[in-house]
Protein backbone atom coordinates (compact mmCIF):
# COMPACT_ATOMS: atom_id res chain seq x y z
CA MET A 1 74.51 -115.20 124.44
CA SER A 2 74.66 -117.55 127.47
CA SER A 3 71.15 -118.75 129.41
CA ASN A 4 71.77 -117.09 131.96
CA GLY A 5 72.21 -113.41 130.06
CA MET A 6 69.29 -114.94 128.40
CA MET A 7 67.13 -114.90 131.30
CA SER A 8 68.04 -111.56 132.42
CA GLU A 9 67.28 -110.14 129.39
CA ALA A 10 63.82 -111.96 129.66
CA ARG A 11 63.10 -110.43 133.27
CA ALA A 12 64.21 -106.99 132.40
CA ARG A 13 61.78 -107.13 129.40
CA ARG A 14 58.88 -108.11 132.41
CA SER A 15 59.98 -105.80 134.30
CA ARG A 16 59.37 -102.55 132.00
CA LEU A 17 56.17 -101.64 131.97
CA ASP A 18 54.12 -100.89 129.20
CA PRO A 19 53.09 -97.31 128.26
CA ARG A 20 49.76 -97.90 128.05
CA TRP A 21 48.94 -99.29 131.37
CA MET A 22 51.20 -96.70 133.21
CA ARG A 23 48.25 -93.74 131.06
CA LEU A 24 45.75 -96.26 132.38
CA GLY A 25 47.23 -95.57 135.52
CA GLY A 26 47.43 -92.19 135.02
CA TRP A 27 44.28 -91.63 134.12
CA LEU A 28 42.46 -93.79 137.37
CA VAL A 29 44.05 -90.99 139.47
CA ILE A 30 42.69 -87.95 137.56
CA ALA A 31 39.22 -89.29 138.34
CA ALA A 32 40.02 -90.10 141.53
CA LEU A 33 41.45 -86.34 142.31
CA LEU A 34 38.38 -85.13 140.21
CA ARG A 35 35.98 -87.52 142.74
CA LEU A 36 37.81 -85.97 145.50
CA MET A 37 37.74 -82.06 144.43
CA THR A 38 34.15 -82.89 143.55
CA ASP A 39 32.72 -83.98 146.87
CA THR A 40 30.86 -81.19 149.05
CA ALA A 41 31.72 -83.01 151.98
CA GLN A 42 34.16 -80.62 155.11
CA GLY A 43 36.18 -81.89 157.07
CA THR A 44 35.86 -80.93 160.71
CA PRO A 45 38.79 -80.07 163.37
CA THR A 46 37.67 -83.33 164.89
CA ASP A 47 37.51 -85.19 162.11
CA HIS A 48 40.65 -84.94 159.38
CA LEU A 49 39.80 -88.03 157.20
CA LEU A 50 35.96 -86.93 156.64
CA VAL A 51 36.62 -85.77 153.03
CA LEU A 52 38.05 -89.18 152.18
CA ARG A 53 35.87 -91.24 153.80
CA SER A 54 32.55 -89.42 151.83
CA ALA A 55 34.82 -89.54 148.58
CA PHE A 56 36.32 -92.02 148.31
CA SER A 57 33.57 -94.81 149.46
CA SER A 58 30.50 -93.72 147.71
CA LEU A 59 29.48 -95.52 144.82
CA ALA A 60 30.60 -92.16 143.06
CA LEU A 61 33.90 -93.06 142.70
CA LEU A 62 33.37 -95.97 140.76
CA TRP A 63 31.86 -93.74 137.86
CA TRP A 64 34.85 -91.38 138.17
CA LEU A 65 37.16 -94.48 137.88
CA VAL A 66 34.82 -96.02 134.51
CA THR A 67 34.50 -92.81 133.07
CA GLY A 68 38.70 -92.40 132.90
CA ALA A 69 39.01 -95.78 131.96
CA VAL A 70 36.63 -94.82 129.29
CA VAL A 71 38.64 -92.03 128.23
CA TRP A 72 41.92 -93.86 128.03
CA ALA A 73 40.53 -96.89 125.50
CA VAL A 74 39.22 -93.99 122.72
CA LEU A 75 42.55 -92.16 123.12
CA GLU A 76 44.39 -95.36 123.15
CA ALA A 77 42.65 -96.46 120.45
CA TYR A 78 43.17 -93.13 118.68
CA ARG A 79 46.89 -93.34 118.95
CA ALA A 80 46.80 -96.78 117.85
CA ARG A 81 44.90 -96.31 114.75
CA GLY A 82 47.20 -93.08 113.51
CA LEU A 83 43.53 -91.22 113.81
CA GLY A 84 45.87 -88.01 114.67
CA ALA A 85 48.07 -87.78 112.21
CA GLU A 86 45.28 -88.64 109.57
CA ALA A 87 43.16 -86.04 110.64
CA ALA A 88 46.01 -82.71 110.80
CA GLU A 89 45.83 -84.40 107.28
CA ARG A 90 42.74 -83.87 105.81
CA THR A 91 42.72 -80.55 107.67
CA ALA A 92 46.26 -79.05 106.57
CA GLY A 93 44.47 -77.00 103.36
CA PRO A 94 41.72 -75.52 105.72
CA ARG A 95 44.31 -74.63 108.89
CA GLU A 96 46.63 -73.30 106.63
CA ARG A 97 43.50 -70.89 104.33
CA TRP A 98 41.94 -70.02 107.96
CA ALA A 99 45.98 -68.79 108.63
CA LYS A 100 46.10 -66.85 105.58
CA LEU A 101 42.78 -65.03 106.39
CA TRP A 102 43.09 -64.46 109.84
CA ASP A 103 46.18 -62.79 108.87
CA ARG A 104 44.87 -60.18 106.98
CA PRO A 105 44.63 -56.97 108.57
CA LEU A 106 40.76 -56.18 107.44
CA SER A 107 39.93 -60.04 109.27
CA LYS A 108 41.49 -58.61 112.71
CA ARG A 109 40.04 -55.59 112.42
CA LEU A 110 36.59 -57.08 111.87
CA ALA A 111 37.12 -59.25 114.74
CA LEU A 112 38.56 -56.34 117.25
CA LEU A 113 35.25 -54.59 115.94
CA VAL A 114 32.68 -57.81 117.20
CA VAL A 115 34.48 -57.97 120.54
CA VAL A 116 34.26 -53.98 121.60
CA VAL A 117 30.56 -54.43 120.22
CA LEU A 118 30.26 -56.94 122.46
CA ALA A 119 32.05 -55.51 125.31
CA ILE A 120 29.32 -52.51 125.28
CA LEU A 121 26.11 -54.58 124.02
CA VAL A 122 26.21 -57.66 126.60
CA PRO A 123 27.30 -56.47 130.00
CA PRO A 124 23.25 -54.66 130.33
CA VAL A 125 21.99 -57.15 130.08
CA LEU A 126 23.37 -59.33 132.43
CA SER A 127 22.56 -59.46 136.02
CA GLU A 128 23.76 -57.16 138.58
CA PHE A 129 26.18 -59.67 140.46
CA TYR A 130 28.04 -60.30 136.79
CA GLN A 131 27.88 -56.78 135.94
CA ARG A 132 30.22 -55.82 139.22
CA VAL A 133 32.24 -59.11 138.39
CA LEU A 134 33.30 -57.05 135.54
CA VAL A 135 34.39 -53.67 137.12
CA ASP A 136 35.54 -54.85 140.53
CA GLN A 137 37.24 -57.40 139.15
CA VAL A 138 37.66 -58.15 135.45
CA ALA A 139 38.38 -54.28 134.87
CA VAL A 140 41.13 -53.83 137.44
CA PHE A 141 43.03 -57.24 137.25
CA VAL A 142 42.87 -56.50 133.25
CA LEU A 143 44.39 -53.34 133.98
CA LEU A 144 47.46 -54.85 136.19
CA ALA A 145 47.83 -57.77 133.85
CA VAL A 146 48.47 -55.13 130.87
CA GLY A 147 50.68 -53.36 132.98
CA LEU A 148 52.63 -56.17 134.57
CA ASN A 149 52.89 -57.54 130.74
CA VAL A 150 55.72 -54.62 130.07
CA VAL A 151 57.52 -56.13 133.06
CA VAL A 152 57.40 -60.06 132.82
CA GLY A 153 56.40 -60.15 128.95
CA TRP A 154 58.43 -57.80 127.45
CA ALA A 155 61.12 -57.29 129.50
CA GLY A 156 61.60 -60.50 131.31
CA LEU A 157 62.03 -58.97 134.98
CA LEU A 158 60.55 -61.21 137.67
CA ASP A 159 58.10 -58.27 139.59
CA LEU A 160 56.47 -59.50 142.81
CA GLY A 161 56.16 -56.28 144.60
CA TYR A 162 53.65 -55.09 141.30
CA VAL A 163 51.18 -54.23 143.88
CA ALA A 164 52.38 -52.18 146.00
CA PHE A 165 52.31 -49.75 142.91
CA PHE A 166 48.65 -50.62 143.13
CA ALA A 167 48.03 -49.18 146.64
CA ILE A 168 50.33 -46.29 146.09
CA GLY A 169 48.06 -45.64 143.82
CA SER A 170 44.86 -46.01 145.61
CA TYR A 171 46.55 -43.96 148.55
CA THR A 172 47.29 -40.96 146.25
CA VAL A 173 43.94 -40.58 145.07
CA ALA A 174 42.54 -41.08 148.62
CA TYR A 175 44.91 -37.97 150.00
CA PHE A 176 44.41 -35.46 146.92
CA THR A 177 40.45 -36.00 147.39
CA GLY A 178 41.01 -34.92 151.17
CA ALA A 179 40.22 -38.95 152.38
CA LEU A 180 43.01 -39.56 154.31
CA PRO A 181 43.19 -37.94 157.92
CA VAL A 182 46.64 -35.68 156.86
CA LYS A 183 44.62 -33.63 154.60
CA PRO A 184 46.28 -31.53 151.43
CA GLY A 185 45.98 -27.87 151.05
CA PHE A 186 43.04 -28.30 148.22
CA THR A 187 40.90 -31.53 147.12
CA LEU A 188 40.93 -32.50 143.55
CA ASN A 189 38.60 -34.82 141.13
CA PRO A 190 39.83 -38.42 140.18
CA PHE A 191 40.16 -37.42 136.79
CA VAL A 192 42.40 -35.37 137.75
CA VAL A 193 44.20 -37.19 139.99
CA MET A 194 44.44 -39.61 137.59
CA PRO A 195 47.97 -38.43 136.31
CA ILE A 196 49.80 -37.28 139.77
CA ALA A 197 49.05 -40.68 140.42
CA VAL A 198 51.10 -42.09 137.14
CA ALA A 199 53.29 -39.60 138.04
CA VAL A 200 54.24 -40.79 141.31
CA CYS A 201 54.31 -44.33 140.83
CA LEU A 202 56.91 -43.55 137.85
CA ILE A 203 59.02 -41.89 140.53
CA ALA A 204 58.42 -44.73 143.40
CA GLY A 205 59.27 -47.37 140.02
CA LEU A 206 62.36 -45.12 139.46
CA LEU A 207 63.61 -45.11 143.07
CA LEU A 208 62.74 -48.70 143.37
CA GLY A 209 64.49 -49.60 139.98
CA ALA A 210 67.44 -47.50 139.92
CA PRO A 211 69.43 -49.41 142.58
CA THR A 212 67.88 -52.80 141.93
CA LEU A 213 67.85 -53.35 138.28
CA ARG A 214 71.38 -54.58 138.39
CA LEU A 215 69.72 -57.82 139.99
CA ARG A 216 68.97 -60.53 137.58
CA GLY A 217 66.24 -63.73 138.46
CA ASP A 218 65.29 -64.38 141.90
CA TYR A 219 67.37 -62.02 143.86
CA LEU A 220 65.20 -59.05 141.59
CA ALA A 221 62.15 -61.03 142.60
CA ILE A 222 63.47 -60.51 146.22
CA VAL A 223 64.31 -57.22 146.16
CA THR A 224 61.07 -56.34 144.86
CA LEU A 225 58.62 -58.66 147.26
CA GLY A 226 60.56 -56.56 149.79
CA PHE A 227 59.53 -53.09 148.78
CA HIS A 228 55.50 -54.73 148.82
CA GLU A 229 55.91 -55.42 152.42
CA ILE A 230 57.91 -52.11 153.21
CA VAL A 231 55.18 -49.74 150.88
CA GLN A 232 52.39 -51.80 153.39
CA LEU A 233 54.45 -51.76 156.73
CA PHE A 234 54.33 -48.35 155.77
CA ILE A 235 50.89 -47.87 155.41
CA VAL A 236 49.76 -50.03 158.34
CA ASN A 237 52.06 -48.35 161.20
CA LYS A 238 51.72 -44.50 159.59
CA ASN A 239 47.73 -44.92 160.75
CA THR A 240 48.24 -40.99 161.22
CA TRP A 241 48.68 -40.58 158.09
CA THR A 242 47.12 -43.50 156.45
CA GLY A 243 44.39 -44.83 158.79
CA GLY A 244 46.53 -47.65 159.50
CA ASN A 245 43.99 -51.22 159.61
CA GLN A 246 41.25 -48.88 159.81
CA GLY A 247 41.90 -47.60 156.27
CA THR A 248 40.07 -44.73 154.73
CA GLY A 249 36.60 -44.75 153.25
CA LEU A 250 34.86 -41.13 151.76
CA ILE A 251 37.18 -41.36 148.53
CA PRO A 252 34.68 -39.47 145.74
CA HIS A 253 33.64 -41.28 142.50
CA PHE A 254 34.73 -39.68 139.58
CA SER A 255 32.68 -36.78 137.90
CA ILE A 256 32.23 -34.49 135.05
CA ASN A 257 31.84 -30.69 135.43
CA ILE A 258 33.12 -29.40 132.77
CA LEU A 259 31.04 -27.31 129.66
CA GLY A 260 28.03 -27.46 131.41
CA ILE A 261 27.89 -31.40 131.54
CA HIS A 262 27.68 -32.31 134.69
CA TYR A 263 27.26 -36.16 135.78
CA ASP A 264 28.16 -38.34 138.36
CA TRP A 265 29.43 -41.89 138.64
CA THR A 266 27.88 -43.84 141.50
CA LEU A 267 27.61 -47.47 142.80
CA ASN A 268 25.88 -48.14 139.27
CA SER A 269 27.99 -50.39 137.60
CA LEU A 270 27.90 -49.98 133.96
CA PRO A 271 29.28 -45.99 134.12
CA TYR A 272 32.18 -47.50 135.51
CA TRP A 273 32.57 -50.90 132.85
CA TYR A 274 32.65 -47.97 130.24
CA LEU A 275 35.04 -45.62 131.36
CA PHE A 276 37.46 -48.79 132.42
CA LEU A 277 36.44 -49.83 128.36
CA VAL A 278 37.61 -46.44 127.56
CA MET A 279 41.00 -46.59 130.00
CA LEU A 280 42.28 -49.54 128.55
CA ALA A 281 41.61 -48.61 124.90
CA LEU A 282 44.43 -45.92 125.82
CA VAL A 283 46.70 -48.46 127.28
CA VAL A 284 46.63 -51.00 125.01
CA ILE A 285 47.11 -48.26 122.32
CA LEU A 286 50.24 -47.00 123.79
CA PHE A 287 51.46 -50.14 124.68
CA TYR A 288 50.73 -51.51 120.80
CA ARG A 289 52.71 -48.32 119.80
CA LEU A 290 55.42 -49.26 122.09
CA GLU A 291 55.76 -52.87 121.21
CA ASN A 292 56.10 -52.46 117.89
CA SER A 293 59.00 -49.46 118.30
CA LYS A 294 62.64 -49.44 119.18
CA VAL A 295 62.07 -49.79 122.44
CA GLY A 296 60.02 -52.87 122.35
CA ARG A 297 62.36 -54.85 120.36
CA THR A 298 65.08 -53.52 123.04
CA TRP A 299 63.04 -55.10 125.70
CA ALA A 300 62.77 -58.55 123.91
CA ALA A 301 66.72 -58.72 123.29
CA ILE A 302 66.85 -58.37 127.15
CA ARG A 303 64.50 -60.67 127.94
CA GLU A 304 65.65 -62.81 125.54
CA ASP A 305 69.84 -62.47 126.84
CA GLU A 306 70.73 -59.88 128.78
CA VAL A 307 74.22 -60.44 128.60
CA ALA A 308 74.42 -60.22 124.39
CA ALA A 309 72.16 -57.51 124.70
CA ALA A 310 74.50 -55.76 126.36
CA ALA A 311 77.88 -56.92 124.51
CA ASN A 312 75.87 -55.14 121.60
CA GLY A 313 75.85 -51.87 123.60
CA VAL A 314 72.24 -52.07 124.55
CA PRO A 315 72.10 -49.88 127.93
CA THR A 316 70.16 -52.40 129.74
CA VAL A 317 69.78 -50.70 133.04
CA LYS A 318 68.40 -48.42 131.35
CA TYR A 319 65.89 -50.36 129.18
CA LYS A 320 64.73 -52.44 132.09
CA LEU A 321 64.34 -49.15 134.42
CA MET A 322 61.68 -47.65 132.13
CA ALA A 323 60.11 -51.29 131.56
CA PHE A 324 59.91 -51.42 135.46
CA SER A 325 58.01 -47.64 135.60
CA ILE A 326 55.62 -48.04 132.77
CA GLY A 327 54.30 -51.22 134.58
CA ALA A 328 54.49 -49.54 138.23
CA SER A 329 52.76 -46.14 136.32
CA THR A 330 49.95 -48.64 135.04
CA SER A 331 49.10 -50.61 137.90
CA GLY A 332 49.27 -47.05 140.41
CA PHE A 333 46.65 -46.07 137.23
CA ALA A 334 44.32 -49.09 137.95
CA GLY A 335 44.62 -47.48 141.75
CA VAL A 336 42.72 -44.45 140.98
CA LEU A 337 40.19 -46.53 139.42
CA TYR A 338 39.99 -49.64 142.19
CA ALA A 339 40.07 -46.25 145.15
CA SER A 340 37.44 -44.30 143.41
CA ARG A 341 35.07 -47.55 142.53
CA PHE A 342 34.87 -48.44 146.12
CA GLY A 343 35.15 -45.77 147.67
CA TYR A 344 37.42 -47.34 150.54
CA VAL A 345 40.40 -48.59 150.96
CA ASN A 346 42.96 -50.80 153.89
CA PRO A 347 46.11 -52.09 153.63
CA ALA A 348 44.26 -56.19 153.16
CA SER A 349 43.40 -54.93 149.57
CA PHE A 350 46.94 -55.26 148.76
CA PRO A 351 48.23 -58.20 149.39
CA VAL A 352 51.63 -60.29 148.17
CA VAL A 353 49.71 -63.18 147.01
CA LEU A 354 47.91 -60.22 144.63
CA SER A 355 51.22 -59.82 142.63
CA ILE A 356 51.28 -63.25 141.93
CA SER A 357 48.04 -63.80 141.41
CA VAL A 358 48.54 -61.11 138.01
CA VAL A 359 51.75 -62.78 137.04
CA SER A 360 49.62 -66.21 137.00
CA TYR A 361 47.21 -64.22 134.55
CA VAL A 362 49.85 -63.44 132.40
CA ILE A 363 51.70 -66.53 131.69
CA PHE A 364 48.04 -68.12 131.48
CA GLY A 365 47.10 -65.66 128.53
CA GLY A 366 50.62 -65.82 127.12
CA MET A 367 53.29 -63.08 128.09
CA GLY A 368 54.21 -60.40 125.50
CA SER A 369 50.73 -60.61 124.15
CA ILE A 370 48.51 -58.23 125.17
CA VAL A 371 45.02 -59.49 123.71
CA GLY A 372 46.31 -62.69 125.10
CA VAL A 373 46.59 -60.75 128.95
CA ILE A 374 43.79 -59.13 127.88
CA VAL A 375 42.00 -62.77 127.80
CA GLY A 376 44.01 -64.43 130.61
CA ALA A 377 42.88 -62.59 133.35
CA SER A 378 39.53 -61.74 132.40
CA VAL A 379 38.82 -65.66 132.03
CA LEU A 380 40.58 -66.63 135.93
CA THR A 381 39.10 -63.78 137.53
CA PHE A 382 35.65 -63.91 135.71
CA LEU A 383 35.54 -67.69 136.00
CA PRO A 384 35.57 -67.83 140.05
CA ALA A 385 32.82 -65.43 139.63
CA VAL A 386 30.36 -67.80 137.63
CA PHE A 387 31.51 -71.11 139.70
CA GLN A 388 30.46 -68.70 143.22
CA GLU A 389 26.95 -67.87 141.22
CA GLU A 390 25.69 -70.99 139.56
CA ASN A 391 27.18 -73.60 142.55
CA LEU A 392 28.70 -75.23 140.03
CA VAL A 393 31.54 -76.37 142.89
CA ASN A 394 31.78 -76.14 146.67
CA GLN A 395 33.02 -72.34 147.32
CA GLN A 396 35.80 -73.24 149.59
CA ASP A 397 36.88 -75.26 146.70
CA ILE A 398 37.22 -72.37 143.78
CA THR A 399 40.42 -71.78 144.09
CA MET A 400 41.88 -74.84 144.41
CA TRP A 401 39.68 -75.72 140.53
CA THR A 402 41.56 -72.23 139.39
CA GLY A 403 44.94 -74.41 140.14
CA ALA A 404 44.08 -77.07 138.58
CA ILE A 405 42.94 -75.19 135.69
CA LEU A 406 46.00 -72.94 135.69
CA VAL A 407 48.02 -76.65 136.41
CA VAL A 408 46.43 -77.80 133.01
CA MET A 409 47.20 -75.23 131.01
CA MET A 410 51.03 -75.21 131.79
CA ILE A 411 51.34 -78.70 130.69
CA PHE A 412 49.54 -78.96 127.46
CA ARG A 413 50.04 -75.40 126.69
CA SER A 414 52.81 -73.68 128.04
CA GLN A 415 53.20 -70.35 125.91
CA GLY A 416 49.83 -69.37 127.17
CA LEU A 417 46.42 -68.92 125.57
CA ILE A 418 46.80 -66.58 123.17
CA PRO A 419 50.92 -66.32 123.14
CA SER A 420 52.08 -63.25 121.13
CA ARG A 421 53.78 -63.89 117.09
CA ARG A 422 57.17 -63.24 118.21
CA ARG A 423 57.32 -65.03 121.63
CA LYS A 424 55.49 -68.02 119.60
CA ARG A 425 58.39 -68.12 116.96
CA GLU A 426 60.96 -67.89 119.89
CA LEU A 427 59.68 -71.49 121.37
CA THR A 428 59.34 -72.73 117.60
CA LEU A 429 63.04 -72.10 117.06
CA ALA A 430 63.58 -73.47 120.90
CA ARG A 431 62.02 -76.63 119.70
CA ALA A 432 63.76 -76.96 116.80
CA GLY A 433 67.54 -75.77 117.82
CA VAL A 434 67.32 -78.47 120.34
CA ALA A 435 66.18 -81.35 117.72
CA ASP A 436 68.96 -80.25 115.70
CA ALA A 437 71.62 -80.48 118.33
CA ASP A 438 70.23 -83.90 119.60
CA ALA A 439 70.59 -85.20 116.09
CA MET A 440 73.59 -83.56 115.68
CA SER A 441 74.93 -85.48 119.07
CA GLU A 442 74.13 -89.12 118.10
CA PRO A 443 76.67 -89.95 115.02
CA VAL A 444 79.32 -88.29 117.46
CA GLU A 445 78.56 -90.59 119.87
CA GLY A 446 78.77 -93.35 117.20
CA LYS A 447 82.52 -92.28 115.97
CA MET A 448 82.79 -93.12 119.83
């Protein structure tokens, strides 16, 4: 090799930055961002850089940078000494025994029993604020997420107009209880309106899905987004029917008056929480049976490869329409609970960002996993309330912190908190397939 070639190779070697220093730079950037996110200063209309000056001109920035450097040093030592592989090797036996223990049906039933007992016994000892959070946010969004999981997680359909059915369910109970400007010929108890709202949303899902479910991917998402806008503008413009932007109030609470049993739900949160648990249990049992049926397996086939499923004789439009309608009816079911709990609804209660939030809950928890979706929706709705009540972060920054949690989750655990067994197996096989393909391509390139 000539001297010029050796010199160019040496320069190229020097120009390549050591990955360790690149990782150090990344940790320092993360530390600086965390310092910026935790600063309590707020910008003003005349001074947009106040937050930056407050965050980066104090000694607190130095402590954040030092912490980032310490974390980097610990991780580099961990990497250099191969402690990760050693720890994995030493814990392989216990992890395998734990996996076998967890796979036993008795273990899962005991875990479910513990969760149910906690869900019954813990809320009464919480403060009134957290009880309201459980009912007003966790309960409603868990039902919404479980329904959307059928559409997104099982059938693989991106629905950005999902909250439109939530609004239809809410206004259905408002109409049949006599709360809207246009009155029905008779009024019904919210319990009786439940199956009616489910049927109305089911029909609405059929009407929307029949002409549009031949579309796929982004095109379907745009159509569902347009449907949401149609429903919301209809509610706003038909003010003589729906109350318009002012909304409608005086929606009665749930009540029981049958066979000598008389009970009225009030503004008290605990009765609504237990009512939600019963509703959720019914929905989960039905969906669990559905997931393990022929219909559930067909949805999985459509989600993975719709063309291959159609080539094998699967009526894809029929099954996609079925998933869309079931998800819509569940959303309407949640709408009845929401409207009766608050006693008031208006168009501002159903923005399109709500649909995007529910999609993020499904992805965060684990698409296709009923347990994962319940946990994901619970965490992402309860955690902001904890931030607010305990003043852990600035009130205006709660959404930013929630977004940061989503970003970190998607980077380090893209399958979600608790992925379904089928989804986890599919991701594992996909990684193995890519690795095999890469390995097979190397000798071919060598021969060429």
